[in-house]
Amino acid sequence: MRYPQSQSTATCRAEPFQPTKMKLTTLLSALLAGAAAATTVPIFIQPITVPETAPALLIEISHDTPSTSTDPTTPPQIATEVLSYEAPEIPEGAKLVRIGAYDSKSGKWASSTTVVSVENFGKGYSPHFVLSLDANGQDLLGVAVKGVRVDAGYTRDFGPQVKVVVAGRGKQPELNKPVVLSPEGKKVVVEEKTFLQKYWWVLGIAMFVMMSGGGDSK
């Protein structure tokens, strides 16, 4: 009769520890997570003419997802990148253009639009775009553009410039705050006291000490 081999005689070969591969994997995951956080926004332009001209792609902008700031008074710093830009072909006679986010599938504007003069895209001007996001930094509210004149000696500055701003949060209502009513049943507005009204007694004590300690010494 053959007996099974004892487990004690079996050998296990452990794989060597490879910290380099683990570091590369962690770094790759971090890079992929950072790339996934970026948002691409296509901005369209439409000359205001009769008959109406279809909107055309003007610029594609990539921006990072805004980080949540603990200080609401400090605007978040958002990195941006211009992926593509084509100088618009504006029909002769058009003086105004409309810009914004446009959904080509539905044929509707996906954000509020801004109407500006065609002079903002004229020769010698650099278009500066401002993207406005909601308070959560997720949805595009609208786009504004302004042409800034550039010195002919600085040709590298003729390209478009982009800035992203996040809408500030409005004042939050104070909950569970008691409402003070007058005998007539009307709401009483409590006025904030001034510094003198709050601490008049401190000034009185200080004045008393100064007066009592001012006698002549013998």
C-alpha atoms as a PDB file:
ATOM      1  CA  MET A   1       0.000   0.000   0.000  1.00  0.00           C
ATOM      2  CA  ARG A   2       1.318   3.461  -0.904  1.00  0.00           C
ATOM      3  CA  TYR A   3       0.846   6.187   1.643  1.00  0.00           C
ATOM      4  CA  PRO A   4       0.520   9.839   0.724  1.00  0.00           C
ATOM      5  CA  GLN A   5       3.603  11.937   1.058  1.00  0.00           C
ATOM      6  CA  SER A   6       3.919  13.695   4.388  1.00  0.00           C
ATOM      7  CA  GLN A   7       3.204  17.422   4.320  1.00  0.00           C
ATOM      8  CA  SER A   8       6.405  18.070   6.171  1.00  0.00           C
ATOM      9  CA  THR A   9       8.454  16.938   3.195  1.00  0.00           C
ATOM     10  CA  ALA A  10       6.766  19.334   0.765  1.00  0.00           C
ATOM     11  CA  THR A  11       8.665  22.499  -0.091  1.00  0.00           C
ATOM     12  CA  CYS A  12       7.122  25.905  -0.750  1.00  0.00           C
ATOM     13  CA  ARG A  13       8.954  28.412  -2.877  1.00  0.00           C
ATOM     14  CA  ALA A  14       8.147  31.991  -1.921  1.00  0.00           C
ATOM     15  CA  GLU A  15       8.258  34.728  -4.528  1.00  0.00           C
ATOM     16  CA  PRO A  16      10.947  37.339  -3.859  1.00  0.00           C
ATOM     17  CA  PHE A  17       9.709  40.675  -2.502  1.00  0.00           C
ATOM     18  CA  GLN A  18       9.770  43.316  -5.231  1.00  0.00           C
ATOM     19  CA  PRO A  19       9.280  46.774  -3.721  1.00  0.00           C
ATOM     20  CA  THR A  20      10.131  48.520  -6.989  1.00  0.00           C
ATOM     21  CA  LYS A  21       7.132  47.060  -8.798  1.00  0.00           C
ATOM     22  CA  MET A  22       4.833  48.017  -5.944  1.00  0.00           C
ATOM     23  CA  LYS A  23       6.054  51.605  -6.015  1.00  0.00           C
ATOM     24  CA  LEU A  24       5.578  51.834  -9.778  1.00  0.00           C
ATOM     25  CA  THR A  25       2.065  50.418  -9.464  1.00  0.00           C
ATOM     26  CA  THR A  26       1.178  52.912  -6.743  1.00  0.00           C
ATOM     27  CA  LEU A  27       2.573  55.785  -8.789  1.00  0.00           C
ATOM     28  CA  LEU A  28       0.680  54.674 -11.883  1.00  0.00           C
ATOM     29  CA  SER A  29      -2.568  54.465  -9.915  1.00  0.00           C
ATOM     30  CA  ALA A  30      -2.036  57.978  -8.575  1.00  0.00           C
ATOM     31  CA  LEU A  31      -1.391  59.318 -12.063  1.00  0.00           C
ATOM     32  CA  LEU A  32      -4.504  57.654 -13.436  1.00  0.00           C
ATOM     33  CA  ALA A  33      -6.582  59.022 -10.564  1.00  0.00           C
ATOM     34  CA  GLY A  34      -5.271  62.524 -11.252  1.00  0.00           C
ATOM     35  CA  ALA A  35      -6.056  62.199 -14.958  1.00  0.00           C
ATOM     36  CA  ALA A  36      -9.582  61.031 -14.178  1.00  0.00           C
ATOM     37  CA  ALA A  37     -10.144  64.131 -12.018  1.00  0.00           C
ATOM     38  CA  ALA A  38      -9.632  66.487 -14.980  1.00  0.00           C
ATOM     39  CA  THR A  39     -12.686  67.775 -16.846  1.00  0.00           C
ATOM     40  CA  THR A  40     -12.749  68.700 -20.529  1.00  0.00           C
ATOM     41  CA  VAL A  41     -15.047  71.563 -21.526  1.00  0.00           C
ATOM     42  CA  PRO A  42     -15.720  72.321 -25.214  1.00  0.00           C
ATOM     43  CA  ILE A  43     -16.698  75.937 -25.840  1.00  0.00           C
ATOM     44  CA  PHE A  44     -18.609  76.899 -28.996  1.00  0.00           C
ATOM     45  CA  ILE A  45     -19.042  80.187 -30.802  1.00  0.00           C
ATOM     46  CA  GLN A  46     -21.979  81.351 -32.917  1.00  0.00           C
ATOM     47  CA  PRO A  47     -21.988  84.544 -34.976  1.00  0.00           C
ATOM     48  CA  ILE A  48     -25.252  86.427 -34.631  1.00  0.00           C
ATOM     49  CA  THR A  49     -26.340  86.766 -38.243  1.00  0.00           C
ATOM     50  CA  VAL A  50     -29.437  86.544 -40.389  1.00  0.00           C
ATOM     51  CA  PRO A  51     -29.895  83.800 -41.454  1.00  0.00           C
ATOM     52  CA  GLU A  52     -28.607  82.123 -38.303  1.00  0.00           C
ATOM     53  CA  THR A  53     -25.187  80.446 -38.396  1.00  0.00           C
ATOM     54  CA  ALA A  54     -24.678  77.109 -36.619  1.00  0.00           C
ATOM     55  CA  PRO A  55     -22.393  77.098 -33.538  1.00  0.00           C
ATOM     56  CA  ALA A  56     -18.824  75.930 -34.182  1.00  0.00           C
ATOM     57  CA  LEU A  57     -16.180  74.593 -31.810  1.00  0.00           C
ATOM     58  CA  LEU A  58     -13.950  77.412 -30.617  1.00  0.00           C
ATOM     59  CA  ILE A  59     -11.782  76.042 -27.807  1.00  0.00           C
ATOM     60  CA  GLU A  60     -11.403  72.922 -25.683  1.00  0.00           C
ATOM     61  CA  ILE A  61     -10.335  73.503 -22.096  1.00  0.00           C
ATOM     62  CA  SER A  62      -9.239  70.966 -19.499  1.00  0.00           C
ATOM     63  CA  HIS A  63      -9.344  71.893 -15.811  1.00  0.00           C
ATOM     64  CA  ASP A  64      -8.801  70.051 -12.555  1.00  0.00           C
ATOM     65  CA  THR A  65     -11.632  69.307 -10.171  1.00  0.00           C
ATOM     66  CA  PRO A  66     -11.694  72.090  -7.546  1.00  0.00           C
ATOM     67  CA  SER A  67     -10.647  70.927  -4.100  1.00  0.00           C
ATOM     68  CA  THR A  68     -12.878  71.676  -1.129  1.00  0.00           C
ATOM     69  CA  SER A  69     -11.408  74.572   0.825  1.00  0.00           C
ATOM     70  CA  THR A  70     -11.902  74.897   4.569  1.00  0.00           C
ATOM     71  CA  ASP A  71     -11.762  78.677   4.241  1.00  0.00           C
ATOM     72  CA  PRO A  72     -14.718  79.920   2.150  1.00  0.00           C
ATOM     73  CA  THR A  73     -13.022  83.304   1.649  1.00  0.00           C
ATOM     74  CA  THR A  74     -10.058  81.720  -0.142  1.00  0.00           C
ATOM     75  CA  PRO A  75     -10.841  80.792  -3.766  1.00  0.00           C
ATOM     76  CA  PRO A  76      -9.409  77.444  -4.861  1.00  0.00           C
ATOM     77  CA  GLN A  77      -6.497  77.407  -7.293  1.00  0.00           C
ATOM     78  CA  ILE A  78      -7.561  75.434 -10.384  1.00  0.00           C
ATOM     79  CA  ALA A  79      -5.050  74.307 -12.987  1.00  0.00           C
ATOM     80  CA  THR A  80      -6.195  74.708 -16.597  1.00  0.00           C
ATOM     81  CA  GLU A  81      -4.907  73.640 -20.008  1.00  0.00           C
ATOM     82  CA  VAL A  82      -5.930  74.618 -23.529  1.00  0.00           C
ATOM     83  CA  LEU A  83      -6.299  71.385 -25.495  1.00  0.00           C
ATOM     84  CA  SER A  84      -7.213  72.992 -28.821  1.00  0.00           C
ATOM     85  CA  TYR A  85      -8.086  76.411 -30.194  1.00  0.00           C
ATOM     86  CA  GLU A  86      -9.083  77.618 -33.626  1.00  0.00           C
ATOM     87  CA  ALA A  87      -9.405  81.282 -34.485  1.00  0.00           C
ATOM     88  CA  PRO A  88     -13.081  81.761 -35.378  1.00  0.00           C
ATOM     89  CA  GLU A  89     -14.176  82.401 -38.935  1.00  0.00           C
ATOM     90  CA  ILE A  90     -16.672  85.201 -38.524  1.00  0.00           C
ATOM     91  CA  PRO A  91     -18.919  86.022 -41.504  1.00  0.00           C
ATOM     92  CA  GLU A  92     -18.550  89.453 -43.025  1.00  0.00           C
ATOM     93  CA  GLY A  93     -20.991  91.908 -41.513  1.00  0.00           C
ATOM     94  CA  ALA A  94     -21.358  90.094 -38.177  1.00  0.00           C
ATOM     95  CA  LYS A  95     -20.623  92.355 -35.237  1.00  0.00           C
ATOM     96  CA  LEU A  96     -21.631  90.128 -32.316  1.00  0.00           C
ATOM     97  CA  VAL A  97     -20.964  86.496 -31.384  1.00  0.00           C
ATOM     98  CA  ARG A  98     -22.433  84.168 -28.787  1.00  0.00           C
ATOM     99  CA  ILE A  99     -20.196  81.789 -26.788  1.00  0.00           C
ATOM    100  CA  GLY A 100     -20.938  79.012 -24.300  1.00  0.00           C
ATOM    101  CA  ALA A 101     -21.099  75.244 -23.834  1.00  0.00           C
ATOM    102  CA  TYR A 102     -23.125  73.625 -26.610  1.00  0.00           C
ATOM    103  CA  ASP A 103     -24.580  70.116 -26.891  1.00  0.00           C
ATOM    104  CA  SER A 104     -24.261  69.076 -30.532  1.00  0.00           C
ATOM    105  CA  LYS A 105     -26.473  65.989 -30.048  1.00  0.00           C
ATOM    106  CA  SER A 106     -29.484  67.840 -28.672  1.00  0.00           C
ATOM    107  CA  GLY A 107     -28.776  71.026 -30.602  1.00  0.00           C
ATOM    108  CA  LYS A 108     -29.139  73.138 -27.444  1.00  0.00           C
ATOM    109  CA  TRP A 109     -26.877  75.304 -25.351  1.00  0.00           C
ATOM    110  CA  ALA A 110     -25.733  73.468 -22.213  1.00  0.00           C
ATOM    111  CA  SER A 111     -24.885  76.635 -20.283  1.00  0.00           C
ATOM    112  CA  SER A 112     -25.735  80.300 -20.222  1.00  0.00           C
ATOM    113  CA  THR A 113     -24.297  82.184 -23.179  1.00  0.00           C
ATOM    114  CA  THR A 114     -22.420  85.448 -23.397  1.00  0.00           C
ATOM    115  CA  VAL A 115     -22.729  87.910 -26.284  1.00  0.00           C
ATOM    116  CA  VAL A 116     -19.545  89.840 -27.064  1.00  0.00           C
ATOM    117  CA  SER A 117     -18.188  91.944 -29.871  1.00  0.00           C
ATOM    118  CA  VAL A 118     -16.204  90.316 -32.674  1.00  0.00           C
ATOM    119  CA  GLU A 119     -13.417  92.778 -31.909  1.00  0.00           C
ATOM    120  CA  ASN A 120     -12.380  90.547 -28.991  1.00  0.00           C
ATOM    121  CA  PHE A 121     -11.082  88.064 -31.579  1.00  0.00           C
ATOM    122  CA  GLY A 122      -9.479  90.659 -33.817  1.00  0.00           C
ATOM    123  CA  LYS A 123      -5.862  90.778 -34.937  1.00  0.00           C
ATOM    124  CA  GLY A 124      -3.508  91.871 -32.181  1.00  0.00           C
ATOM    125  CA  TYR A 125      -5.792  90.660 -29.377  1.00  0.00           C
ATOM    126  CA  SER A 126      -5.422  87.649 -27.113  1.00  0.00           C
ATOM    127  CA  PRO A 127      -8.765  86.144 -26.010  1.00  0.00           C
ATOM    128  CA  HIS A 128      -8.960  85.635 -22.245  1.00  0.00           C
ATOM    129  CA  PHE A 129     -11.642  83.147 -21.205  1.00  0.00           C
ATOM    130  CA  VAL A 130     -13.257  82.923 -17.773  1.00  0.00           C
ATOM    131  CA  LEU A 131     -15.216  79.763 -16.933  1.00  0.00           C
ATOM    132  CA  SER A 132     -17.722  80.033 -14.082  1.00  0.00           C
ATOM    133  CA  LEU A 133     -18.526  76.834 -12.169  1.00  0.00           C
ATOM    134  CA  ASP A 134     -21.240  76.260  -9.588  1.00  0.00           C
ATOM    135  CA  ALA A 135     -20.478  76.229  -5.848  1.00  0.00           C
ATOM    136  CA  ASN A 136     -19.704  72.494  -6.010  1.00  0.00           C
ATOM    137  CA  GLY A 137     -17.270  72.965  -8.902  1.00  0.00           C
ATOM    138  CA  GLN A 138     -19.136  70.436 -11.050  1.00  0.00           C
ATOM    139  CA  ASP A 139     -21.444  72.211 -13.515  1.00  0.00           C
ATOM    140  CA  LEU A 140     -20.474  74.974 -15.936  1.00  0.00           C
ATOM    141  CA  LEU A 141     -22.621  78.069 -15.414  1.00  0.00           C
ATOM    142  CA  GLY A 142     -21.268  80.206 -18.222  1.00  0.00           C
ATOM    143  CA  VAL A 143     -18.270  81.504 -20.160  1.00  0.00           C
ATOM    144  CA  ALA A 144     -17.007  85.035 -20.632  1.00  0.00           C
ATOM    145  CA  VAL A 145     -14.273  86.268 -22.952  1.00  0.00           C
ATOM    146  CA  LYS A 146     -12.362  89.500 -23.327  1.00  0.00           C
ATOM    147  CA  GLY A 147      -9.790  90.377 -25.956  1.00  0.00           C
ATOM    148  CA  VAL A 148      -6.617  91.832 -24.460  1.00  0.00           C
ATOM    149  CA  ARG A 149      -4.314  93.788 -26.743  1.00  0.00           C
ATOM    150  CA  VAL A 150      -0.853  92.228 -26.985  1.00  0.00           C
ATOM    151  CA  ASP A 151       2.385  93.933 -27.916  1.00  0.00           C
ATOM    152  CA  ALA A 152       3.618  92.777 -31.311  1.00  0.00           C
ATOM    153  CA  GLY A 153       6.992  91.945 -29.775  1.00  0.00           C
ATOM    154  CA  TYR A 154       5.488  89.244 -27.546  1.00  0.00           C
ATOM    155  CA  THR A 155       4.060  86.828 -30.083  1.00  0.00           C
ATOM    156  CA  ARG A 156       3.993  83.972 -27.554  1.00  0.00           C
ATOM    157  CA  ASP A 157       1.244  85.808 -25.623  1.00  0.00           C
ATOM    158  CA  PHE A 158      -1.169  85.871 -28.556  1.00  0.00           C
ATOM    159  CA  GLY A 159      -2.604  82.494 -27.573  1.00  0.00           C
ATOM    160  CA  PRO A 160      -5.766  82.215 -25.489  1.00  0.00           C
ATOM    161  CA  GLN A 161      -5.617  82.483 -21.706  1.00  0.00           C
ATOM    162  CA  VAL A 162      -8.018  80.618 -19.402  1.00  0.00           C
ATOM    163  CA  LYS A 163      -9.160  81.111 -15.824  1.00  0.00           C
ATOM    164  CA  VAL A 164     -11.709  79.071 -13.859  1.00  0.00           C
ATOM    165  CA  VAL A 165     -13.694  80.583 -10.986  1.00  0.00           C
ATOM    166  CA  VAL A 166     -16.053  78.830  -8.573  1.00  0.00           C
ATOM    167  CA  ALA A 167     -19.216  80.569  -7.430  1.00  0.00           C
ATOM    168  CA  GLY A 168     -19.197  81.438  -3.738  1.00  0.00           C
ATOM    169  CA  ARG A 169     -21.703  79.937  -1.386  1.00  0.00           C
ATOM    170  CA  GLY A 170     -24.475  82.236  -0.234  1.00  0.00           C
ATOM    171  CA  LYS A 171     -25.163  83.064   3.392  1.00  0.00           C
ATOM    172  CA  GLN A 172     -26.737  80.103   5.159  1.00  0.00           C
ATOM    173  CA  PRO A 173     -29.900  80.671   7.232  1.00  0.00           C
ATOM    174  CA  GLU A 174     -29.606  80.522  11.004  1.00  0.00           C
ATOM    175  CA  LEU A 175     -31.769  77.626  12.163  1.00  0.00           C
ATOM    176  CA  ASN A 176     -33.350  77.198  15.609  1.00  0.00           C
ATOM    177  CA  LYS A 177     -32.909  80.884  16.386  1.00  0.00           C
ATOM    178  CA  PRO A 178     -35.734  82.192  18.634  1.00  0.00           C
ATOM    179  CA  VAL A 179     -37.929  84.906  17.193  1.00  0.00           C
ATOM    180  CA  VAL A 180     -38.569  87.865  19.507  1.00  0.00           C
ATOM    181  CA  LEU A 181     -42.038  89.409  19.214  1.00  0.00           C
ATOM    182  CA  SER A 182     -43.298  92.707  20.541  1.00  0.00           C
ATOM    183  CA  PRO A 183     -46.540  92.974  22.577  1.00  0.00           C
ATOM    184  CA  GLU A 184     -48.281  93.818  19.290  1.00  0.00           C
ATOM    185  CA  GLY A 185     -47.113  90.520  17.780  1.00  0.00           C
ATOM    186  CA  LYS A 186     -44.540  92.076  15.461  1.00  0.00           C
ATOM    187  CA  LYS A 187     -41.019  90.782  15.004  1.00  0.00           C
ATOM    188  CA  VAL A 188     -38.456  92.719  17.000  1.00  0.00           C
ATOM    189  CA  VAL A 189     -35.155  93.371  15.274  1.00  0.00           C
ATOM    190  CA  VAL A 190     -32.387  93.145  17.863  1.00  0.00           C
ATOM    191  CA  GLU A 191     -29.764  95.779  17.127  1.00  0.00           C
ATOM    192  CA  GLU A 192     -26.125  94.882  17.603  1.00  0.00           C
ATOM    193  CA  LYS A 193     -24.588  96.816  20.500  1.00  0.00           C
ATOM    194  CA  THR A 194     -21.492  98.927  19.970  1.00  0.00           C
ATOM    195  CA  PHE A 195     -18.236  98.372  21.843  1.00  0.00           C
ATOM    196  CA  LEU A 196     -18.998 101.306  24.157  1.00  0.00           C
ATOM    197  CA  GLN A 197     -22.498  99.973  24.932  1.00  0.00           C
ATOM    198  CA  LYS A 198     -21.100  96.539  25.813  1.00  0.00           C
ATOM    199  CA  TYR A 199     -18.120  97.559  27.944  1.00  0.00           C
ATOM    200  CA  TRP A 200     -19.095 100.936  29.405  1.00  0.00           C
ATOM    201  CA  TRP A 201     -18.684  99.558  32.932  1.00  0.00           C
ATOM    202  CA  VAL A 202     -15.033  98.672  32.259  1.00  0.00           C
ATOM    203  CA  LEU A 203     -14.322 102.247  31.207  1.00  0.00           C
ATOM    204  CA  GLY A 204     -16.134 103.501  34.312  1.00  0.00           C
ATOM    205  CA  ILE A 205     -13.969 101.382  36.615  1.00  0.00           C
ATOM    206  CA  ALA A 206     -10.808 102.526  34.867  1.00  0.00           C
ATOM    207  CA  MET A 207     -11.854 106.170  35.209  1.00  0.00           C
ATOM    208  CA  PHE A 208     -12.617 105.668  38.903  1.00  0.00           C
ATOM    209  CA  VAL A 209      -9.191 104.089  39.546  1.00  0.00           C
ATOM    210  CA  MET A 210      -7.445 106.953  37.753  1.00  0.00           C
ATOM    211  CA  MET A 211      -9.301 109.594  39.738  1.00  0.00           C
ATOM    212  CA  SER A 212      -8.819 107.897  43.111  1.00  0.00           C
ATOM    213  CA  GLY A 213      -5.081 107.459  42.619  1.00  0.00           C
ATOM    214  CA  GLY A 214      -4.346 111.030  41.553  1.00  0.00           C
ATOM    215  CA  GLY A 215      -3.989 112.633  45.065  1.00  0.00           C
ATOM    216  CA  ASP A 216      -0.911 114.588  46.169  1.00  0.00           C
ATOM    217  CA  SER A 217       1.627 112.591  48.153  1.00  0.00           C
ATOM    218  CA  LYS A 218       3.020 114.081  51.398  1.00  0.00           C
END
